[in-house]
Amino acid sequence: MRSLLLLAALASAGLFGASIQVDHVTVAGASLPEMQKMFDSAGIRTQYGGKHSNGITEMALSSFKDGSYLELIAPVAGADPAAHYWGAFMKANAGPCAWAIRSAAIDRSIAGPRAAGVHVETETAGRKRGDGVELRWETATVGPPPQGSFFPFIIADQTPRDLRAFPSGAPTMPDVPGVRYVVVGVGNLTEAIAKYRAAFGFPAPERRDDAILGAHLAHFPGTPAILASPSGPNTWLARRLKQFGEIPCAFVLESPSLPSADEAVTWFAGSKVAWLDSNKLAGARIGIVK
C-alpha cells in the first residue's frame, strides 16, 4: 500500500525521473572575481548576477539555451562565510557543491519526497541584480543539509524566471544547450541509489566505471542525475568525500563549442565526455559532452 501511495504522490507531483529538469548548478569559491577569471579562461563566460538577500554571498552565472545555468557563488567582501550553509565549501574553494531542480509550485513538487519519508524544509529567498532588479523565489531543501548537497533542492520563482536566468535578456552562452549531467559523490552507492529512487521515483540505474574520476557511476536514465562512489580509498573522489561529504563533485555541460580536453571517456548511451582543464578551474571538475 505504501508503494502505491508513493507512486500516486510522485505522479501528482510531476517528479518522475523524466520530468526532472535542472534549474542551476552551483560552484563555490572564496573570490567571485577570481572564479570569473578562471571560468572565462576555460571558455565559460559569466556575468555578474548580484548579491543575495542573506547579505553574505554574491554570484555570477553562465546561462544556457534551455534556461539552466551554472552559478559561481562566493562571500561578499567583508562577510563571514561561516554564517552560510555553503560556507565551508566557499572557504575551501570546493568547486561543485549543489544543484537545483525547477518547479512551478513547491507544495506540489515536495509531495513525492515527503511521501517517501524524506525530510523537507521550505524558505523564501532572493537576490538583487547589479542593475537593481529584485528577484524572489521559494526553495525546498530535500533531505539532509546543506541545501542541494546529497539531493537537489527545489526552486520555484516568485518573480519572472527569465529575470533570474538571463540578466542581460539572453543566455550568456546560447550555443550551450544546457546541463547534461550532475555527478553527486556518495560513500555507499547501493544505499544512495535506493534513497534517490524512493525520493524521486527514478528508474533502476545504468552503471559503469570512470578511471579519470576514480569512481563507480550509476546514472538514472532520462534524468541528469549520476551518483558516483570511489573506486578505491586513495582516489580523488575518496579524498573529496572525506573533505566535503556527499555533495556534487562534477558537472557536465552539453556543448558543441567548448574546448575539449585531451582525454575523452565513453559514458552512458554512448556519450563521449571530455573534461576541461581542472588546473584552470582551481580543481573544479567541469565536463562537456558533444
Protein backbone atom coordinates (compact mmCIF):
# COMPACT_ATOMS: atom_id res chain seq x y z
CA MET A 1 0.00 0.00 0.00
CA ARG A 2 2.83 2.42 0.88
CA SER A 3 4.45 1.90 -2.53
CA LEU A 4 1.16 2.61 -4.30
CA LEU A 5 0.67 5.79 -2.28
CA LEU A 6 4.20 6.85 -3.08
CA LEU A 7 3.74 6.28 -6.81
CA ALA A 8 0.49 8.27 -6.73
CA ALA A 9 2.20 11.13 -4.91
CA LEU A 10 5.09 11.14 -7.34
CA ALA A 11 2.74 11.17 -10.31
CA SER A 12 0.69 14.06 -8.95
CA ALA A 13 3.87 15.95 -8.07
CA GLY A 14 5.28 15.53 -11.56
CA LEU A 15 8.51 14.18 -10.09
CA PHE A 16 9.04 11.01 -12.05
CA GLY A 17 12.58 10.94 -13.41
CA ALA A 18 11.75 12.10 -16.91
CA SER A 19 10.28 15.34 -15.56
CA ILE A 20 13.35 16.34 -13.53
CA GLN A 21 14.82 19.49 -15.07
CA VAL A 22 18.00 21.17 -13.89
CA ASP A 23 17.40 24.74 -12.79
CA HIS A 24 21.02 25.51 -11.99
CA VAL A 25 24.23 24.03 -10.64
CA THR A 26 26.46 25.79 -8.11
CA VAL A 27 30.24 26.18 -7.92
CA ALA A 28 31.59 27.59 -4.64
CA GLY A 29 34.77 29.60 -4.12
CA ALA A 30 36.41 32.21 -1.94
CA SER A 31 36.55 35.04 -4.51
CA LEU A 32 33.93 35.73 -7.16
CA PRO A 33 36.21 37.87 -9.40
CA GLU A 34 38.87 35.15 -9.34
CA MET A 35 36.35 32.45 -10.22
CA GLN A 36 35.01 34.51 -13.09
CA LYS A 37 38.54 34.91 -14.46
CA MET A 38 39.19 31.18 -14.18
CA PHE A 39 35.98 30.13 -15.88
CA ASP A 40 36.46 32.69 -18.62
CA SER A 41 39.94 31.25 -19.28
CA ALA A 42 38.30 27.82 -19.68
CA GLY A 43 35.78 29.16 -22.21
CA ILE A 44 32.79 29.56 -19.88
CA ARG A 45 31.64 33.17 -19.97
CA THR A 46 29.85 34.53 -16.90
CA GLN A 47 28.13 37.76 -15.93
CA TYR A 48 27.58 39.28 -12.53
CA GLY A 49 24.22 38.33 -11.03
CA GLY A 50 24.16 40.36 -7.82
CA LYS A 51 24.09 39.91 -4.05
CA HIS A 52 21.77 37.54 -2.22
CA SER A 53 19.30 38.77 0.36
CA ASN A 54 21.23 36.92 3.10
CA GLY A 55 23.88 39.65 3.00
CA ILE A 56 26.64 37.02 2.88
CA THR A 57 27.00 35.89 -0.71
CA GLU A 58 27.09 37.19 -4.26
CA MET A 59 27.04 35.33 -7.55
CA ALA A 60 27.83 35.31 -11.24
CA LEU A 61 26.28 32.98 -13.78
CA SER A 62 26.75 31.37 -17.13
CA SER A 63 23.30 30.75 -18.62
CA PHE A 64 22.39 28.31 -21.37
CA LYS A 65 19.86 27.87 -24.15
CA ASP A 66 17.36 25.78 -22.14
CA GLY A 67 17.32 28.30 -19.29
CA SER A 68 19.56 26.33 -16.95
CA TYR A 69 22.70 27.99 -15.68
CA LEU A 70 25.98 27.47 -13.85
CA GLU A 71 26.24 29.65 -10.74
CA LEU A 72 29.51 30.86 -9.24
CA ILE A 73 28.99 31.78 -5.57
CA ALA A 74 31.35 33.44 -3.11
CA PRO A 75 31.22 35.63 0.02
CA VAL A 76 30.78 39.37 -0.45
CA ALA A 77 33.73 41.47 0.71
CA GLY A 78 33.91 41.52 4.49
CA ALA A 79 31.29 38.81 5.05
CA ASP A 80 31.95 35.74 7.18
CA PRO A 81 31.30 32.67 5.01
CA ALA A 82 30.95 30.52 8.14
CA ALA A 83 27.47 32.00 8.60
CA HIS A 84 26.30 30.38 5.33
CA TYR A 85 25.37 26.72 4.85
CA TRP A 86 27.86 26.53 1.95
CA GLY A 87 30.48 28.46 3.95
CA ALA A 88 32.96 25.59 4.26
CA PHE A 89 32.72 24.95 0.52
CA MET A 90 33.36 28.60 -0.34
CA LYS A 91 36.28 28.93 2.07
CA ALA A 92 37.97 25.80 0.70
CA ASN A 93 37.25 26.52 -3.00
CA ALA A 94 35.31 23.27 -3.20
CA GLY A 95 34.02 23.89 -6.73
CA PRO A 96 30.80 21.95 -7.45
CA CYS A 97 28.74 21.90 -4.26
CA ALA A 98 24.99 21.90 -5.01
CA TRP A 99 22.28 21.64 -7.64
CA ALA A 100 18.67 22.66 -8.01
CA ILE A 101 15.70 21.40 -10.00
CA ARG A 102 12.97 23.60 -11.40
CA SER A 103 9.41 23.70 -10.09
CA ALA A 104 6.25 25.62 -10.90
CA ALA A 105 4.81 25.01 -7.42
CA ILE A 106 6.84 23.97 -4.37
CA ASP A 107 3.93 22.36 -2.50
CA ARG A 108 3.19 20.02 -5.40
CA SER A 109 6.85 19.20 -6.05
CA ILE A 110 7.68 18.18 -2.48
CA ALA A 111 4.75 15.78 -2.21
CA GLY A 112 6.75 12.85 -3.59
CA PRO A 113 9.79 13.14 -1.31
CA ARG A 114 7.59 13.72 1.73
CA ALA A 115 5.51 10.65 0.87
CA ALA A 116 8.77 8.69 0.83
CA GLY A 117 9.55 9.90 4.34
CA VAL A 118 12.26 12.36 3.26
CA HIS A 119 12.56 15.48 5.43
CA VAL A 120 11.78 18.70 3.53
CA GLU A 121 12.16 22.32 4.66
CA THR A 122 11.00 25.37 2.68
CA GLU A 123 12.04 29.01 2.77
CA THR A 124 11.80 32.20 0.73
CA ALA A 125 14.93 33.96 -0.51
CA GLY A 126 16.05 36.41 -3.17
CA ARG A 127 18.76 38.39 -4.86
CA LYS A 128 19.25 41.94 -6.07
CA ARG A 129 20.84 42.14 -9.50
CA GLY A 130 23.57 44.63 -10.26
CA ASP A 131 21.05 46.75 -12.17
CA GLY A 132 18.75 46.92 -9.14
CA VAL A 133 16.16 44.35 -10.25
CA GLU A 134 14.81 42.43 -7.25
CA LEU A 135 14.36 38.67 -7.56
CA ARG A 136 12.38 36.42 -5.22
CA TRP A 137 11.92 32.66 -5.07
CA GLU A 138 10.91 29.81 -2.78
CA THR A 139 13.16 26.82 -2.19
CA ALA A 140 12.74 23.41 -0.62
CA THR A 141 15.73 21.65 0.92
CA VAL A 142 15.18 17.93 0.36
CA GLY A 143 16.89 15.50 2.72
CA PRO A 144 19.95 16.24 4.83
CA PRO A 145 21.59 19.68 4.76
CA PRO A 146 23.32 21.59 3.38
CA GLN A 147 20.89 22.63 0.66
CA GLY A 148 21.32 20.87 -2.68
CA SER A 149 24.07 18.56 -1.49
CA PHE A 150 23.03 14.88 -1.49
CA PHE A 151 19.62 15.55 -3.03
CA PRO A 152 18.93 18.52 -5.32
CA PHE A 153 16.96 21.34 -3.79
CA ILE A 154 13.76 22.51 -5.46
CA ILE A 155 13.25 26.11 -6.54
CA ALA A 156 10.13 27.97 -7.70
CA ASP A 157 10.24 31.60 -8.81
CA GLN A 158 8.00 34.31 -7.40
CA THR A 159 9.33 36.82 -9.95
CA PRO A 160 9.71 36.01 -13.67
CA ARG A 161 12.33 33.29 -14.05
CA ASP A 162 13.98 34.85 -17.10
CA LEU A 163 14.99 37.80 -14.91
CA ARG A 164 16.97 35.35 -12.77
CA ALA A 165 18.46 33.21 -15.53
CA PHE A 166 19.13 35.90 -18.14
CA PRO A 167 20.29 39.17 -16.51
CA SER A 168 21.06 40.67 -19.91
CA GLY A 169 17.88 39.32 -21.51
CA ALA A 170 19.52 36.37 -23.31
CA PRO A 171 21.68 33.33 -22.49
CA THR A 172 25.30 34.09 -21.70
CA MET A 173 26.28 31.09 -23.82
CA PRO A 174 23.50 30.49 -26.36
CA ASP A 175 25.45 27.72 -28.13
CA VAL A 176 25.36 25.55 -24.99
CA PRO A 177 22.05 23.61 -24.85
CA GLY A 178 22.24 23.09 -21.08
CA VAL A 179 23.45 20.92 -18.21
CA ARG A 180 23.50 17.26 -19.25
CA TYR A 181 24.73 15.55 -16.07
CA VAL A 182 25.13 16.31 -12.37
CA VAL A 183 27.52 13.90 -10.63
CA VAL A 184 26.98 13.51 -6.88
CA GLY A 185 29.72 11.90 -4.83
CA VAL A 186 28.44 9.30 -2.35
CA GLY A 187 30.01 6.90 0.12
CA ASN A 188 27.76 3.90 -0.44
CA LEU A 189 26.44 3.59 -3.97
CA THR A 190 23.81 0.93 -3.27
CA GLU A 191 22.29 2.90 -0.38
CA ALA A 192 22.37 6.18 -2.34
CA ILE A 193 20.60 4.58 -5.31
CA ALA A 194 17.82 3.32 -3.05
CA LYS A 195 17.36 6.76 -1.47
CA TYR A 196 17.16 8.52 -4.85
CA ARG A 197 14.68 6.02 -6.24
CA ALA A 198 12.46 6.33 -3.17
CA ALA A 199 12.55 10.14 -3.11
CA PHE A 200 12.04 10.82 -6.82
CA GLY A 201 10.63 7.66 -8.37
CA PHE A 202 13.69 7.19 -10.56
CA PRO A 203 14.11 4.03 -12.67
CA ALA A 204 16.82 1.47 -11.99
CA PRO A 205 20.20 2.98 -12.90
CA GLU A 206 22.74 2.05 -15.51
CA ARG A 207 26.26 1.50 -14.19
CA ARG A 208 29.80 1.90 -15.40
CA ASP A 209 33.24 2.88 -14.09
CA ASP A 210 35.24 6.02 -14.81
CA ALA A 211 39.01 5.83 -14.39
CA ILE A 212 39.53 9.60 -14.63
CA LEU A 213 37.19 10.31 -11.73
CA GLY A 214 38.23 7.12 -9.95
CA ALA A 215 34.59 6.25 -9.48
CA HIS A 216 31.82 3.72 -9.91
CA LEU A 217 28.95 5.55 -11.63
CA ALA A 218 25.19 4.99 -11.58
CA HIS A 219 23.02 7.00 -13.99
CA PHE A 220 19.24 7.13 -13.77
CA PRO A 221 18.03 7.02 -17.41
CA GLY A 222 16.01 10.00 -18.53
CA THR A 223 17.42 12.20 -15.77
CA PRO A 224 20.56 14.32 -15.33
CA ALA A 225 21.43 12.53 -12.06
CA ILE A 226 24.56 10.41 -11.72
CA LEU A 227 25.77 9.00 -8.40
CA ALA A 228 29.49 8.29 -8.01
CA SER A 229 31.28 6.29 -5.33
CA PRO A 230 35.09 5.96 -5.06
CA SER A 231 36.67 3.01 -6.85
CA GLY A 232 39.45 2.95 -4.24
CA PRO A 233 40.48 4.52 -0.91
CA ASN A 234 43.11 6.83 -2.40
CA THR A 235 41.24 8.20 -5.41
CA TRP A 236 40.44 11.87 -6.00
CA LEU A 237 36.79 11.20 -5.20
CA ALA A 238 37.60 9.38 -1.95
CA ARG A 239 39.68 12.35 -0.78
CA ARG A 240 36.94 14.78 -1.78
CA LEU A 241 34.27 12.83 0.11
CA LYS A 242 36.44 12.83 3.21
CA GLN A 243 36.85 16.61 2.99
CA PHE A 244 33.36 17.73 1.92
CA GLY A 245 30.94 14.85 2.40
CA GLU A 246 28.25 13.77 -0.05
CA ILE A 247 27.86 16.68 -2.45
CA PRO A 248 28.11 17.14 -6.23
CA CYS A 249 31.63 16.51 -7.45
CA ALA A 250 31.29 17.31 -11.16
CA PHE A 251 29.00 18.94 -13.71
CA VAL A 252 28.80 18.05 -17.40
CA LEU A 253 27.53 20.54 -19.97
CA GLU A 254 26.19 19.69 -23.40
CA SER A 255 28.08 21.77 -25.94
CA PRO A 256 29.42 21.68 -29.50
CA SER A 257 31.64 24.70 -28.90
CA LEU A 258 33.51 24.45 -25.61
CA PRO A 259 37.19 23.47 -25.84
CA SER A 260 37.75 19.79 -25.13
CA ALA A 261 40.42 18.10 -23.07
CA ASP A 262 42.96 15.63 -24.37
CA GLU A 263 41.10 12.65 -22.94
CA ALA A 264 37.50 11.67 -23.56
CA VAL A 265 35.68 8.77 -21.95
CA THR A 266 32.57 6.90 -23.04
CA TRP A 267 29.68 7.36 -20.66
CA PHE A 268 26.02 6.46 -20.85
CA ALA A 269 24.14 5.94 -24.11
CA GLY A 270 27.49 6.12 -25.89
CA SER A 271 28.06 9.77 -24.99
CA LYS A 272 31.67 11.00 -25.04
CA VAL A 273 32.66 13.14 -22.07
CA ALA A 274 35.78 15.31 -22.04
CA TRP A 275 36.99 17.27 -19.02
CA LEU A 276 38.08 20.88 -19.11
CA ASP A 277 41.49 21.65 -17.65
CA SER A 278 40.82 21.49 -13.90
CA ASN A 279 44.05 23.40 -13.23
CA LYS A 280 42.38 26.45 -14.79
CA LEU A 281 39.35 25.96 -12.53
CA ALA A 282 41.03 25.60 -9.13
CA GLY A 283 40.44 21.85 -9.31
CA ALA A 284 36.75 22.02 -10.25
CA ARG A 285 35.59 19.17 -12.48
CA ILE A 286 33.55 20.54 -15.38
CA GLY A 287 32.97 18.25 -18.34
CA ILE A 288 31.47 18.61 -21.78
CA VAL A 289 29.55 16.15 -23.90
CA LYS A 290 29.12 16.80 -27.62
